[in-house]
Amino acid sequence: MGPARALVFDFNGTLSHDEPLLFGIYSELFAEHGRPLTETDYYGRLAGNTEEAIIGGWLGVEGEELQALVEERIDRYVARADGSTITAGLREAVRYASARVPVAVVSGAYRREIEPVLAGAQLVPHVTAVVTADDVSRGKPDPEGYRLALAALGDGLAARDVVAFEDTEAGVASATGAGLRCLAVRGTLPDARLAGAERIVDAIDLDLVRSLVG
């Protein structure tokens, strides 16, 4: 893998270690609507999909009812999440990278739940572009979000100049579908489901980022 000229981070479960928090929110929300959710269900079937696919698929709702439940899920996340879900090691790695190359976030989450976490972790000045569910018509595994990020990063970057970090197969498919190189991070899904990535790593830390950007 040659030197990266930009890095792009997925948010939930990758930059922000919040998949357990998300599972808890979905679990309570779905139980309130009569269809309880187990960890096996969440990590095996739902994690990494769009908000609409997760809630609509599990509860069988659509239209205004679906949108109201999406807003409720986001409200609960915003009330509980803060910068602490981005570890000190990851903050250090992002700061190191941003001093050398552009850094972006591409996420299936919504802007109003991502921005407070980035602010709480004091990373806003270090992120050049944030592409969220608000910005795309098709979420992951579609590559639209990564294509938008590539355009926002500018500077004549080719897709292969950029390394993305993802923790789900939908995210890996999105990044590689846009032509980016992709490293998958263990923690959310088993390795077999991350096989589309160029490499699978245990964690994102300063040493890994230094090896990518110099």
N, C-alpha and C. Protein backbone atom coordinates (compact mmCIF):
# COMPACT_ATOMS: atom_id res chain seq x y z
N MET A 1 0.85 -1.19 0.00
CA MET A 1 0.00 0.00 0.00
C MET A 1 0.89 1.24 0.00
N GLY A 2 0.80 2.07 -1.05
CA GLY A 2 1.59 3.27 -1.15
C GLY A 2 1.09 4.35 -0.20
N PRO A 3 1.82 5.45 -0.09
CA PRO A 3 1.43 6.53 0.81
C PRO A 3 0.04 7.08 0.47
N ALA A 4 -0.74 7.36 1.50
CA ALA A 4 -2.07 7.93 1.31
C ALA A 4 -1.98 9.45 1.24
N ARG A 5 -2.73 10.06 0.33
CA ARG A 5 -2.79 11.51 0.23
C ARG A 5 -4.01 12.09 0.93
N ALA A 6 -4.87 11.22 1.46
CA ALA A 6 -6.01 11.63 2.27
C ALA A 6 -6.51 10.40 3.01
N LEU A 7 -7.14 10.63 4.17
CA LEU A 7 -7.76 9.55 4.93
C LEU A 7 -9.23 9.88 5.15
N VAL A 8 -10.06 8.84 5.08
CA VAL A 8 -11.50 9.00 5.31
C VAL A 8 -11.95 7.98 6.35
N PHE A 9 -12.68 8.44 7.34
CA PHE A 9 -13.14 7.59 8.42
C PHE A 9 -14.66 7.42 8.37
N ASP A 10 -15.12 6.18 8.43
CA ASP A 10 -16.51 5.94 8.79
C ASP A 10 -16.68 6.44 10.23
N PHE A 11 -17.92 6.71 10.61
CA PHE A 11 -18.15 7.26 11.95
C PHE A 11 -18.52 6.19 12.96
N ASN A 12 -19.75 5.70 12.92
CA ASN A 12 -20.22 4.75 13.93
C ASN A 12 -19.40 3.47 13.90
N GLY A 13 -18.80 3.14 15.03
CA GLY A 13 -18.06 1.90 15.15
C GLY A 13 -16.64 1.96 14.64
N THR A 14 -16.27 3.05 13.97
CA THR A 14 -14.92 3.17 13.41
C THR A 14 -14.19 4.34 14.08
N LEU A 15 -14.61 5.55 13.79
CA LEU A 15 -14.04 6.71 14.48
C LEU A 15 -14.63 6.84 15.88
N SER A 16 -15.93 6.66 15.98
CA SER A 16 -16.64 6.73 17.25
C SER A 16 -16.97 5.30 17.71
N HIS A 17 -16.46 4.92 18.85
CA HIS A 17 -16.70 3.56 19.35
C HIS A 17 -18.06 3.51 20.04
N ASP A 18 -19.10 3.55 19.24
CA ASP A 18 -20.45 3.72 19.77
C ASP A 18 -21.43 2.63 19.34
N GLU A 19 -20.95 1.54 18.75
CA GLU A 19 -21.90 0.50 18.36
C GLU A 19 -22.66 -0.07 19.55
N PRO A 20 -22.02 -0.29 20.72
CA PRO A 20 -22.81 -0.74 21.87
C PRO A 20 -23.89 0.27 22.27
N LEU A 21 -23.58 1.55 22.19
CA LEU A 21 -24.56 2.59 22.49
C LEU A 21 -25.72 2.52 21.49
N LEU A 22 -25.39 2.39 20.21
CA LEU A 22 -26.43 2.29 19.19
C LEU A 22 -27.30 1.06 19.40
N PHE A 23 -26.67 -0.07 19.69
CA PHE A 23 -27.45 -1.28 19.94
C PHE A 23 -28.43 -1.06 21.09
N GLY A 24 -27.97 -0.42 22.16
CA GLY A 24 -28.84 -0.18 23.29
C GLY A 24 -30.03 0.69 22.93
N ILE A 25 -29.80 1.70 22.10
CA ILE A 25 -30.89 2.60 21.69
C ILE A 25 -31.88 1.86 20.79
N TYR A 26 -31.38 1.16 19.79
CA TYR A 26 -32.28 0.38 18.94
C TYR A 26 -33.05 -0.65 19.76
N SER A 27 -32.36 -1.30 20.67
CA SER A 27 -32.99 -2.34 21.46
C SER A 27 -34.18 -1.81 22.26
N GLU A 28 -33.98 -0.68 22.93
CA GLU A 28 -35.08 -0.13 23.72
C GLU A 28 -36.20 0.41 22.84
N LEU A 29 -35.82 1.03 21.72
CA LEU A 29 -36.83 1.58 20.81
C LEU A 29 -37.68 0.46 20.21
N PHE A 30 -37.02 -0.60 19.78
CA PHE A 30 -37.75 -1.70 19.14
C PHE A 30 -38.59 -2.46 20.15
N ALA A 31 -38.11 -2.60 21.40
CA ALA A 31 -38.91 -3.26 22.43
C ALA A 31 -40.18 -2.47 22.71
N GLU A 32 -40.06 -1.15 22.69
CA GLU A 32 -41.24 -0.31 22.91
C GLU A 32 -42.28 -0.48 21.81
N HIS A 33 -41.83 -0.92 20.64
CA HIS A 33 -42.74 -1.12 19.51
C HIS A 33 -43.04 -2.59 19.25
N GLY A 34 -42.77 -3.43 20.25
CA GLY A 34 -43.23 -4.81 20.21
C GLY A 34 -42.38 -5.80 19.46
N ARG A 35 -41.16 -5.40 19.05
CA ARG A 35 -40.29 -6.36 18.38
C ARG A 35 -38.88 -6.26 18.96
N PRO A 36 -38.63 -6.96 20.06
CA PRO A 36 -37.32 -6.88 20.72
C PRO A 36 -36.17 -7.27 19.79
N LEU A 37 -35.01 -6.71 20.10
CA LEU A 37 -33.80 -6.91 19.28
C LEU A 37 -32.71 -7.51 20.16
N THR A 38 -32.06 -8.56 19.66
CA THR A 38 -30.92 -9.14 20.38
C THR A 38 -29.61 -8.63 19.77
N GLU A 39 -28.51 -8.80 20.51
CA GLU A 39 -27.21 -8.44 19.96
C GLU A 39 -26.91 -9.23 18.70
N THR A 40 -27.28 -10.50 18.69
CA THR A 40 -27.05 -11.33 17.51
C THR A 40 -27.79 -10.77 16.30
N ASP A 41 -29.04 -10.35 16.53
CA ASP A 41 -29.81 -9.74 15.44
C ASP A 41 -29.13 -8.47 14.94
N TYR A 42 -28.71 -7.62 15.88
CA TYR A 42 -28.17 -6.33 15.49
C TYR A 42 -26.86 -6.48 14.72
N TYR A 43 -25.91 -7.17 15.32
CA TYR A 43 -24.61 -7.29 14.67
C TYR A 43 -24.63 -8.23 13.48
N GLY A 44 -25.53 -9.21 13.50
CA GLY A 44 -25.58 -10.16 12.41
C GLY A 44 -26.35 -9.69 11.20
N ARG A 45 -27.34 -8.80 11.42
CA ARG A 45 -28.25 -8.46 10.33
C ARG A 45 -28.37 -6.96 10.04
N LEU A 46 -28.14 -6.12 11.04
CA LEU A 46 -28.50 -4.71 10.87
C LEU A 46 -27.33 -3.73 10.84
N ALA A 47 -26.29 -3.98 11.62
CA ALA A 47 -25.20 -3.01 11.75
C ALA A 47 -24.60 -2.67 10.39
N GLY A 48 -24.44 -1.38 10.16
CA GLY A 48 -23.83 -0.92 8.92
C GLY A 48 -24.81 -0.50 7.85
N ASN A 49 -26.08 -0.83 8.04
CA ASN A 49 -27.10 -0.44 7.06
C ASN A 49 -27.58 0.99 7.32
N THR A 50 -28.36 1.51 6.39
CA THR A 50 -28.90 2.85 6.57
C THR A 50 -29.92 2.85 7.70
N GLU A 51 -30.16 4.02 8.25
CA GLU A 51 -31.15 4.17 9.31
C GLU A 51 -32.52 3.65 8.87
N GLU A 52 -32.89 4.01 7.65
CA GLU A 52 -34.20 3.61 7.13
C GLU A 52 -34.29 2.10 6.96
N ALA A 53 -33.18 1.49 6.53
CA ALA A 53 -33.17 0.03 6.36
C ALA A 53 -33.25 -0.67 7.70
N ILE A 54 -32.56 -0.15 8.70
CA ILE A 54 -32.57 -0.78 10.02
C ILE A 54 -33.96 -0.69 10.65
N ILE A 55 -34.47 0.51 10.75
CA ILE A 55 -35.75 0.71 11.45
C ILE A 55 -36.91 0.22 10.60
N GLY A 56 -36.92 0.59 9.32
CA GLY A 56 -38.01 0.16 8.46
C GLY A 56 -38.04 -1.34 8.29
N GLY A 57 -36.87 -1.94 8.13
CA GLY A 57 -36.82 -3.38 7.94
C GLY A 57 -37.22 -4.15 9.17
N TRP A 58 -36.80 -3.68 10.34
CA TRP A 58 -37.07 -4.43 11.56
C TRP A 58 -38.52 -4.27 12.03
N LEU A 59 -39.04 -3.06 11.92
CA LEU A 59 -40.39 -2.80 12.41
C LEU A 59 -41.46 -2.85 11.33
N GLY A 60 -41.04 -2.93 10.06
CA GLY A 60 -42.01 -2.99 8.97
C GLY A 60 -42.81 -1.71 8.81
N VAL A 61 -42.14 -0.57 9.01
CA VAL A 61 -42.82 0.72 8.89
C VAL A 61 -42.23 1.50 7.72
N GLU A 62 -42.97 2.49 7.26
CA GLU A 62 -42.50 3.32 6.16
C GLU A 62 -43.14 4.69 6.25
N GLY A 63 -42.79 5.56 5.32
CA GLY A 63 -43.41 6.87 5.24
C GLY A 63 -43.19 7.72 6.49
N GLU A 64 -44.22 8.43 6.90
CA GLU A 64 -44.11 9.35 8.02
C GLU A 64 -43.79 8.63 9.32
N GLU A 65 -44.34 7.44 9.50
CA GLU A 65 -44.05 6.69 10.72
C GLU A 65 -42.57 6.34 10.80
N LEU A 66 -42.01 5.91 9.68
CA LEU A 66 -40.59 5.60 9.64
C LEU A 66 -39.76 6.83 9.95
N GLN A 67 -40.07 7.95 9.33
CA GLN A 67 -39.29 9.16 9.56
C GLN A 67 -39.36 9.63 11.00
N ALA A 68 -40.53 9.47 11.62
CA ALA A 68 -40.67 9.86 13.02
C ALA A 68 -39.80 8.98 13.92
N LEU A 69 -39.70 7.70 13.60
CA LEU A 69 -38.88 6.79 14.40
C LEU A 69 -37.40 7.05 14.17
N VAL A 70 -37.02 7.42 12.96
CA VAL A 70 -35.64 7.79 12.69
C VAL A 70 -35.26 9.01 13.54
N GLU A 71 -36.13 10.00 13.57
CA GLU A 71 -35.87 11.20 14.37
C GLU A 71 -35.78 10.86 15.85
N GLU A 72 -36.63 9.94 16.31
CA GLU A 72 -36.59 9.53 17.72
C GLU A 72 -35.27 8.84 18.05
N ARG A 73 -34.82 7.97 17.15
CA ARG A 73 -33.53 7.28 17.37
C ARG A 73 -32.39 8.29 17.44
N ILE A 74 -32.39 9.28 16.54
CA ILE A 74 -31.34 10.29 16.54
C ILE A 74 -31.40 11.12 17.83
N ASP A 75 -32.60 11.50 18.25
CA ASP A 75 -32.74 12.28 19.49
C ASP A 75 -32.12 11.54 20.67
N ARG A 76 -32.36 10.24 20.75
CA ARG A 76 -31.83 9.46 21.87
C ARG A 76 -30.31 9.39 21.79
N TYR A 77 -29.78 9.28 20.59
CA TYR A 77 -28.32 9.24 20.44
C TYR A 77 -27.70 10.57 20.85
N VAL A 78 -28.26 11.66 20.37
CA VAL A 78 -27.72 12.99 20.66
C VAL A 78 -27.74 13.25 22.17
N ALA A 79 -28.76 12.74 22.86
CA ALA A 79 -28.87 12.95 24.30
C ALA A 79 -27.80 12.18 25.08
N ARG A 80 -27.22 11.15 24.47
CA ARG A 80 -26.30 10.28 25.22
C ARG A 80 -24.86 10.32 24.73
N ALA A 81 -24.66 10.59 23.45
CA ALA A 81 -23.30 10.51 22.89
C ALA A 81 -22.54 11.80 23.15
N ASP A 82 -21.24 11.68 23.30
CA ASP A 82 -20.39 12.85 23.42
C ASP A 82 -19.01 12.47 22.88
N GLY A 83 -18.07 13.37 23.02
CA GLY A 83 -16.75 13.12 22.46
C GLY A 83 -16.03 11.93 23.06
N SER A 84 -16.50 11.42 24.20
CA SER A 84 -15.81 10.32 24.86
C SER A 84 -15.84 9.03 24.05
N THR A 85 -16.73 8.93 23.08
CA THR A 85 -16.77 7.71 22.26
C THR A 85 -15.64 7.67 21.24
N ILE A 86 -14.93 8.78 21.08
CA ILE A 86 -13.71 8.81 20.26
C ILE A 86 -12.53 8.75 21.22
N THR A 87 -11.80 7.65 21.20
CA THR A 87 -10.75 7.42 22.18
C THR A 87 -9.60 8.41 22.03
N ALA A 88 -8.82 8.53 23.09
CA ALA A 88 -7.67 9.43 23.06
C ALA A 88 -6.69 9.02 21.96
N GLY A 89 -6.51 7.71 21.77
CA GLY A 89 -5.61 7.24 20.73
C GLY A 89 -6.07 7.61 19.34
N LEU A 90 -7.36 7.53 19.10
CA LEU A 90 -7.90 7.92 17.80
C LEU A 90 -7.81 9.42 17.59
N ARG A 91 -8.05 10.19 18.62
CA ARG A 91 -7.92 11.65 18.51
C ARG A 91 -6.48 12.01 18.11
N GLU A 92 -5.52 11.37 18.75
CA GLU A 92 -4.13 11.62 18.44
C GLU A 92 -3.82 11.25 16.99
N ALA A 93 -4.37 10.11 16.54
CA ALA A 93 -4.12 9.66 15.17
C ALA A 93 -4.72 10.63 14.15
N VAL A 94 -5.92 11.14 14.42
CA VAL A 94 -6.56 12.08 13.50
C VAL A 94 -5.79 13.39 13.47
N ARG A 95 -5.36 13.88 14.61
CA ARG A 95 -4.59 15.13 14.64
C ARG A 95 -3.29 14.98 13.86
N TYR A 96 -2.62 13.86 14.05
CA TYR A 96 -1.37 13.61 13.33
C TYR A 96 -1.62 13.59 11.82
N ALA A 97 -2.67 12.86 11.41
CA ALA A 97 -2.97 12.77 9.97
C ALA A 97 -3.31 14.13 9.39
N SER A 98 -4.13 14.91 10.10
CA SER A 98 -4.63 16.16 9.53
C SER A 98 -3.53 17.20 9.35
N ALA A 99 -2.42 17.03 10.06
CA ALA A 99 -1.29 17.94 9.87
C ALA A 99 -0.52 17.63 8.60
N ARG A 100 -0.87 16.50 7.97
CA ARG A 100 -0.12 16.04 6.80
C ARG A 100 -0.98 15.84 5.56
N VAL A 101 -2.22 15.40 5.74
CA VAL A 101 -3.11 15.14 4.61
C VAL A 101 -4.52 15.55 5.00
N PRO A 102 -5.41 15.78 4.03
CA PRO A 102 -6.81 16.04 4.37
C PRO A 102 -7.46 14.81 5.01
N VAL A 103 -8.38 15.08 5.92
CA VAL A 103 -9.13 14.03 6.63
C VAL A 103 -10.62 14.28 6.44
N ALA A 104 -11.37 13.23 6.16
CA ALA A 104 -12.82 13.35 6.00
C ALA A 104 -13.53 12.27 6.80
N VAL A 105 -14.82 12.49 7.01
CA VAL A 105 -15.71 11.50 7.61
C VAL A 105 -16.82 11.22 6.62
N VAL A 106 -17.10 9.94 6.37
CA VAL A 106 -18.22 9.53 5.52
C VAL A 106 -19.07 8.56 6.33
N SER A 107 -20.31 8.93 6.57
CA SER A 107 -21.14 8.16 7.49
C SER A 107 -22.57 8.03 7.03
N GLY A 108 -23.19 6.94 7.44
CA GLY A 108 -24.63 6.77 7.24
C GLY A 108 -25.43 7.44 8.33
N ALA A 109 -24.75 7.99 9.33
CA ALA A 109 -25.43 8.75 10.38
C ALA A 109 -25.76 10.16 9.87
N TYR A 110 -26.53 10.88 10.67
CA TYR A 110 -26.95 12.23 10.28
C TYR A 110 -26.04 13.28 10.90
N ARG A 111 -25.98 14.42 10.24
CA ARG A 111 -25.05 15.48 10.65
C ARG A 111 -25.28 15.91 12.10
N ARG A 112 -26.51 15.99 12.53
CA ARG A 112 -26.77 16.52 13.87
C ARG A 112 -26.36 15.55 14.98
N GLU A 113 -26.07 14.30 14.63
CA GLU A 113 -25.54 13.39 15.65
C GLU A 113 -24.02 13.25 15.56
N ILE A 114 -23.45 13.57 14.41
CA ILE A 114 -21.99 13.46 14.25
C ILE A 114 -21.29 14.70 14.78
N GLU A 115 -21.79 15.88 14.43
CA GLU A 115 -21.07 17.11 14.75
C GLU A 115 -20.84 17.33 16.24
N PRO A 116 -21.81 17.03 17.13
CA PRO A 116 -21.53 17.22 18.56
C PRO A 116 -20.44 16.30 19.08
N VAL A 117 -20.34 15.11 18.52
CA VAL A 117 -19.30 14.17 18.96
C VAL A 117 -17.93 14.65 18.50
N LEU A 118 -17.83 15.09 17.25
CA LEU A 118 -16.56 15.64 16.77
C LEU A 118 -16.16 16.86 17.59
N ALA A 119 -17.13 17.70 17.92
CA ALA A 119 -16.83 18.89 18.72
C ALA A 119 -16.37 18.50 20.12
N GLY A 120 -17.06 17.53 20.72
CA GLY A 120 -16.69 17.09 22.06
C GLY A 120 -15.30 16.50 22.12
N ALA A 121 -14.88 15.87 21.01
CA ALA A 121 -13.53 15.29 20.93
C ALA A 121 -12.51 16.30 20.43
N GLN A 122 -12.93 17.53 20.18
CA GLN A 122 -12.06 18.62 19.71
C GLN A 122 -11.38 18.27 18.37
N LEU A 123 -12.16 17.66 17.50
CA LEU A 123 -11.63 17.25 16.20
C LEU A 123 -12.16 18.07 15.03
N VAL A 124 -13.09 18.97 15.28
CA VAL A 124 -13.67 19.74 14.17
C VAL A 124 -12.61 20.45 13.33
N PRO A 125 -11.60 21.08 13.93
CA PRO A 125 -10.59 21.77 13.10
C PRO A 125 -9.73 20.81 12.27
N HIS A 126 -9.79 19.54 12.58
CA HIS A 126 -8.92 18.57 11.92
C HIS A 126 -9.62 17.78 10.81
N VAL A 127 -10.89 18.08 10.58
CA VAL A 127 -11.66 17.34 9.57
C VAL A 127 -12.04 18.30 8.45
N THR A 128 -11.59 17.98 7.24
CA THR A 128 -11.82 18.84 6.08
C THR A 128 -13.24 18.74 5.56
N ALA A 129 -13.80 17.54 5.55
CA ALA A 129 -15.13 17.32 4.97
C ALA A 129 -15.87 16.26 5.76
N VAL A 130 -17.18 16.45 5.91
CA VAL A 130 -18.05 15.47 6.56
C VAL A 130 -19.22 15.20 5.63
N VAL A 131 -19.35 13.96 5.19
CA VAL A 131 -20.47 13.55 4.33
C VAL A 131 -21.37 12.63 5.15
N THR A 132 -22.65 12.98 5.25
CA THR A 132 -23.58 12.28 6.12
C THR A 132 -24.78 11.78 5.33
N ALA A 133 -25.68 11.15 6.05
CA ALA A 133 -26.92 10.68 5.42
C ALA A 133 -27.73 11.83 4.85
N ASP A 134 -27.53 13.04 5.37
CA ASP A 134 -28.24 14.21 4.85
C ASP A 134 -27.81 14.55 3.42
N ASP A 135 -26.63 14.09 3.03
CA ASP A 135 -26.03 14.54 1.78
C ASP A 135 -26.21 13.59 0.61
N VAL A 136 -26.71 12.39 0.86
CA VAL A 136 -26.77 11.37 -0.20
C VAL A 136 -28.20 10.93 -0.45
N SER A 137 -28.42 10.44 -1.65
CA SER A 137 -29.73 9.85 -1.97
C SER A 137 -29.70 8.34 -1.78
N ARG A 138 -28.49 7.77 -1.74
CA ARG A 138 -28.34 6.32 -1.55
C ARG A 138 -27.24 6.09 -0.54
N GLY A 139 -27.58 5.42 0.54
CA GLY A 139 -26.60 5.16 1.59
C GLY A 139 -25.73 3.96 1.30
N LYS A 140 -24.78 3.70 2.19
CA LYS A 140 -23.92 2.53 2.06
C LYS A 140 -24.79 1.27 1.99
N PRO A 141 -24.45 0.31 1.14
CA PRO A 141 -23.18 0.07 0.44
C PRO A 141 -22.99 0.84 -0.87
N ASP A 142 -23.94 1.69 -1.24
CA ASP A 142 -23.73 2.49 -2.45
C ASP A 142 -22.50 3.40 -2.24
N PRO A 143 -21.70 3.63 -3.27
CA PRO A 143 -20.48 4.44 -3.13
C PRO A 143 -20.70 5.95 -3.17
N GLU A 144 -21.93 6.41 -3.25
CA GLU A 144 -22.19 7.85 -3.43
C GLU A 144 -21.48 8.70 -2.38
N GLY A 145 -21.55 8.32 -1.11
CA GLY A 145 -20.95 9.14 -0.05
C GLY A 145 -19.46 9.30 -0.23
N TYR A 146 -18.79 8.23 -0.62
CA TYR A 146 -17.34 8.32 -0.82
C TYR A 146 -16.99 9.14 -2.05
N ARG A 147 -17.81 9.07 -3.07
CA ARG A 147 -17.56 9.91 -4.25
C ARG A 147 -17.70 11.38 -3.90
N LEU A 148 -18.69 11.70 -3.07
CA LEU A 148 -18.86 13.09 -2.64
C LEU A 148 -17.67 13.55 -1.81
N ALA A 149 -17.18 12.68 -0.94
CA ALA A 149 -16.03 13.04 -0.11
C ALA A 149 -14.80 13.27 -0.96
N LEU A 150 -14.60 12.43 -1.96
CA LEU A 150 -13.44 12.58 -2.83
C LEU A 150 -13.48 13.94 -3.54
N ALA A 151 -14.66 14.32 -4.00
CA ALA A 151 -14.81 15.61 -4.66
C ALA A 151 -14.57 16.76 -3.67
N ALA A 152 -15.03 16.61 -2.44
CA ALA A 152 -14.87 17.66 -1.44
C ALA A 152 -13.41 17.82 -1.02
N LEU A 153 -12.66 16.73 -1.01
CA LEU A 153 -11.25 16.79 -0.62
C LEU A 153 -10.41 17.50 -1.68
N GLY A 154 -10.84 17.39 -2.94
CA GLY A 154 -10.23 18.16 -4.02
C GLY A 154 -8.75 17.87 -4.22
N ASP A 155 -8.03 18.87 -4.68
CA ASP A 155 -6.58 18.82 -4.86
C ASP A 155 -6.16 17.73 -5.84
N GLY A 156 -7.02 17.44 -6.81
CA GLY A 156 -6.66 16.47 -7.83
C GLY A 156 -6.47 15.06 -7.33
N LEU A 157 -7.09 14.73 -6.20
CA LEU A 157 -6.92 13.40 -5.64
C LEU A 157 -7.59 12.35 -6.52
N ALA A 158 -6.88 11.27 -6.79
CA ALA A 158 -7.48 10.10 -7.40
C ALA A 158 -7.99 9.20 -6.29
N ALA A 159 -8.97 8.38 -6.61
CA ALA A 159 -9.55 7.50 -5.59
C ALA A 159 -8.50 6.63 -4.92
N ARG A 160 -7.54 6.13 -5.69
CA ARG A 160 -6.52 5.24 -5.12
C ARG A 160 -5.50 5.99 -4.26
N ASP A 161 -5.58 7.32 -4.25
CA ASP A 161 -4.72 8.09 -3.35
C ASP A 161 -5.27 8.09 -1.92
N VAL A 162 -6.50 7.63 -1.76
CA VAL A 162 -7.21 7.81 -0.50
C VAL A 162 -7.43 6.46 0.19
N VAL A 163 -7.22 6.44 1.51
CA VAL A 163 -7.48 5.24 2.31
C VAL A 163 -8.68 5.50 3.20
N ALA A 164 -9.64 4.59 3.16
CA ALA A 164 -10.83 4.67 4.01
C ALA A 164 -10.73 3.62 5.11
N PHE A 165 -11.31 3.95 6.25
CA PHE A 165 -11.43 3.01 7.37
C PHE A 165 -12.90 2.68 7.57
N GLU A 166 -13.23 1.40 7.63
CA GLU A 166 -14.61 0.96 7.80
C GLU A 166 -14.68 -0.22 8.76
N ASP A 167 -15.86 -0.46 9.34
CA ASP A 167 -16.01 -1.58 10.26
C ASP A 167 -17.11 -2.55 9.86
N THR A 168 -17.79 -2.30 8.72
CA THR A 168 -18.84 -3.21 8.27
C THR A 168 -18.67 -3.54 6.80
N GLU A 169 -19.32 -4.62 6.38
CA GLU A 169 -19.20 -5.01 4.98
C GLU A 169 -19.88 -4.00 4.06
N ALA A 170 -20.97 -3.38 4.52
CA ALA A 170 -21.61 -2.34 3.71
C ALA A 170 -20.67 -1.17 3.51
N GLY A 171 -19.94 -0.80 4.56
CA GLY A 171 -18.99 0.30 4.45
C GLY A 171 -17.82 -0.03 3.55
N VAL A 172 -17.30 -1.25 3.68
CA VAL A 172 -16.20 -1.68 2.81
C VAL A 172 -16.64 -1.65 1.36
N ALA A 173 -17.86 -2.15 1.09
CA ALA A 173 -18.37 -2.15 -0.28
C ALA A 173 -18.53 -0.73 -0.81
N SER A 174 -18.95 0.18 0.03
CA SER A 174 -19.12 1.58 -0.37
C SER A 174 -17.79 2.21 -0.74
N ALA A 175 -16.79 2.03 0.11
CA ALA A 175 -15.48 2.63 -0.13
C ALA A 175 -14.81 2.03 -1.36
N THR A 176 -14.79 0.72 -1.45
CA THR A 176 -14.13 0.08 -2.58
C THR A 176 -14.90 0.31 -3.87
N GLY A 177 -16.23 0.45 -3.76
CA GLY A 177 -17.03 0.74 -4.94
C GLY A 177 -16.72 2.09 -5.54
N ALA A 178 -16.25 3.02 -4.68
CA ALA A 178 -15.83 4.34 -5.16
C ALA A 178 -14.38 4.34 -5.61
N GLY A 179 -13.70 3.20 -5.50
CA GLY A 179 -12.32 3.08 -5.95
C GLY A 179 -11.27 3.37 -4.90
N LEU A 180 -11.70 3.65 -3.64
CA LEU A 180 -10.74 3.93 -2.58
C LEU A 180 -10.11 2.63 -2.08
N ARG A 181 -8.93 2.76 -1.52
CA ARG A 181 -8.36 1.67 -0.76
C ARG A 181 -9.06 1.64 0.60
N CYS A 182 -9.26 0.45 1.15
CA CYS A 182 -10.03 0.36 2.38
C CYS A 182 -9.37 -0.59 3.37
N LEU A 183 -9.21 -0.11 4.60
CA LEU A 183 -8.80 -0.94 5.72
C LEU A 183 -10.02 -1.18 6.59
N ALA A 184 -10.28 -2.43 6.91
CA ALA A 184 -11.39 -2.77 7.79
C ALA A 184 -10.88 -2.89 9.22
N VAL A 185 -11.69 -2.42 10.16
CA VAL A 185 -11.31 -2.42 11.57
C VAL A 185 -12.14 -3.47 12.30
N ARG A 186 -11.46 -4.35 13.01
CA ARG A 186 -12.17 -5.38 13.78
C ARG A 186 -12.95 -4.75 14.93
N GLY A 187 -14.02 -5.42 15.32
CA GLY A 187 -14.77 -4.97 16.49
C GLY A 187 -16.26 -5.08 16.32
N THR A 188 -16.77 -4.84 15.10
CA THR A 188 -18.21 -4.90 14.88
C THR A 188 -18.62 -6.21 14.24
N LEU A 189 -17.90 -6.63 13.20
CA LEU A 189 -18.26 -7.84 12.45
C LEU A 189 -17.08 -8.80 12.40
N PRO A 190 -17.34 -10.09 12.18
CA PRO A 190 -16.24 -11.05 12.04
C PRO A 190 -15.45 -10.81 10.76
N ASP A 191 -14.20 -11.28 10.77
CA ASP A 191 -13.30 -11.04 9.64
C ASP A 191 -13.89 -11.50 8.32
N ALA A 192 -14.60 -12.60 8.33
CA ALA A 192 -15.13 -13.15 7.07
C ALA A 192 -16.03 -12.15 6.36
N ARG A 193 -16.68 -11.29 7.11
CA ARG A 193 -17.59 -10.32 6.50
C ARG A 193 -16.87 -9.04 6.09
N LEU A 194 -15.58 -8.96 6.38
CA LEU A 194 -14.79 -7.78 6.02
C LEU A 194 -13.77 -8.11 4.94
N ALA A 195 -13.94 -9.26 4.30
CA ALA A 195 -12.92 -9.76 3.38
C ALA A 195 -12.73 -8.89 2.15
N GLY A 196 -13.67 -8.00 1.85
CA GLY A 196 -13.52 -7.12 0.70
C GLY A 196 -12.52 -6.01 0.90
N ALA A 197 -12.06 -5.83 2.13
CA ALA A 197 -11.07 -4.78 2.42
C ALA A 197 -9.68 -5.22 1.99
N GLU A 198 -8.83 -4.24 1.76
CA GLU A 198 -7.44 -4.53 1.40
C GLU A 198 -6.70 -5.19 2.55
N ARG A 199 -7.06 -4.79 3.77
CA ARG A 199 -6.42 -5.36 4.95
C ARG A 199 -7.38 -5.18 6.12
N ILE A 200 -7.28 -6.06 7.11
CA ILE A 200 -8.08 -5.97 8.33
C ILE A 200 -7.12 -5.68 9.47
N VAL A 201 -7.45 -4.66 10.29
CA VAL A 201 -6.58 -4.26 11.39
C VAL A 201 -7.34 -4.35 12.70
N ASP A 202 -6.59 -4.49 13.78
CA ASP A 202 -7.22 -4.59 15.10
C ASP A 202 -7.75 -3.25 15.59
N ALA A 203 -7.06 -2.17 15.23
CA ALA A 203 -7.44 -0.84 15.72
C ALA A 203 -6.77 0.22 14.87
N ILE A 204 -7.29 1.42 14.94
CA ILE A 204 -6.67 2.58 14.31
C ILE A 204 -5.89 3.32 15.38
N ASP A 205 -4.59 3.46 15.20
CA ASP A 205 -3.78 4.18 16.17
C ASP A 205 -2.72 5.00 15.45
N LEU A 206 -1.91 5.69 16.23
CA LEU A 206 -0.92 6.58 15.65
C LEU A 206 0.07 5.82 14.76
N ASP A 207 0.50 4.66 15.21
CA ASP A 207 1.46 3.89 14.41
C ASP A 207 0.90 3.52 13.05
N LEU A 208 -0.36 3.10 13.02
CA LEU A 208 -0.99 2.74 11.74
C LEU A 208 -1.09 3.96 10.84
N VAL A 209 -1.57 5.07 11.37
CA VAL A 209 -1.72 6.28 10.56
C VAL A 209 -0.35 6.77 10.06
N ARG A 210 0.64 6.71 10.92
CA ARG A 210 1.98 7.13 10.51
C ARG A 210 2.48 6.26 9.36
N SER A 211 2.17 4.97 9.39
CA SER A 211 2.61 4.08 8.31
C SER A 211 1.91 4.38 6.99
N LEU A 212 0.75 5.03 7.06
CA LEU A 212 -0.01 5.34 5.85
C LEU A 212 0.35 6.69 5.24
N VAL A 213 0.59 7.68 6.09
CA VAL A 213 0.78 9.04 5.58
C VAL A 213 2.21 9.55 5.77
N GLY A 214 3.02 8.80 6.50
CA GLY A 214 4.41 9.21 6.71
C GLY A 214 4.61 10.11 7.89
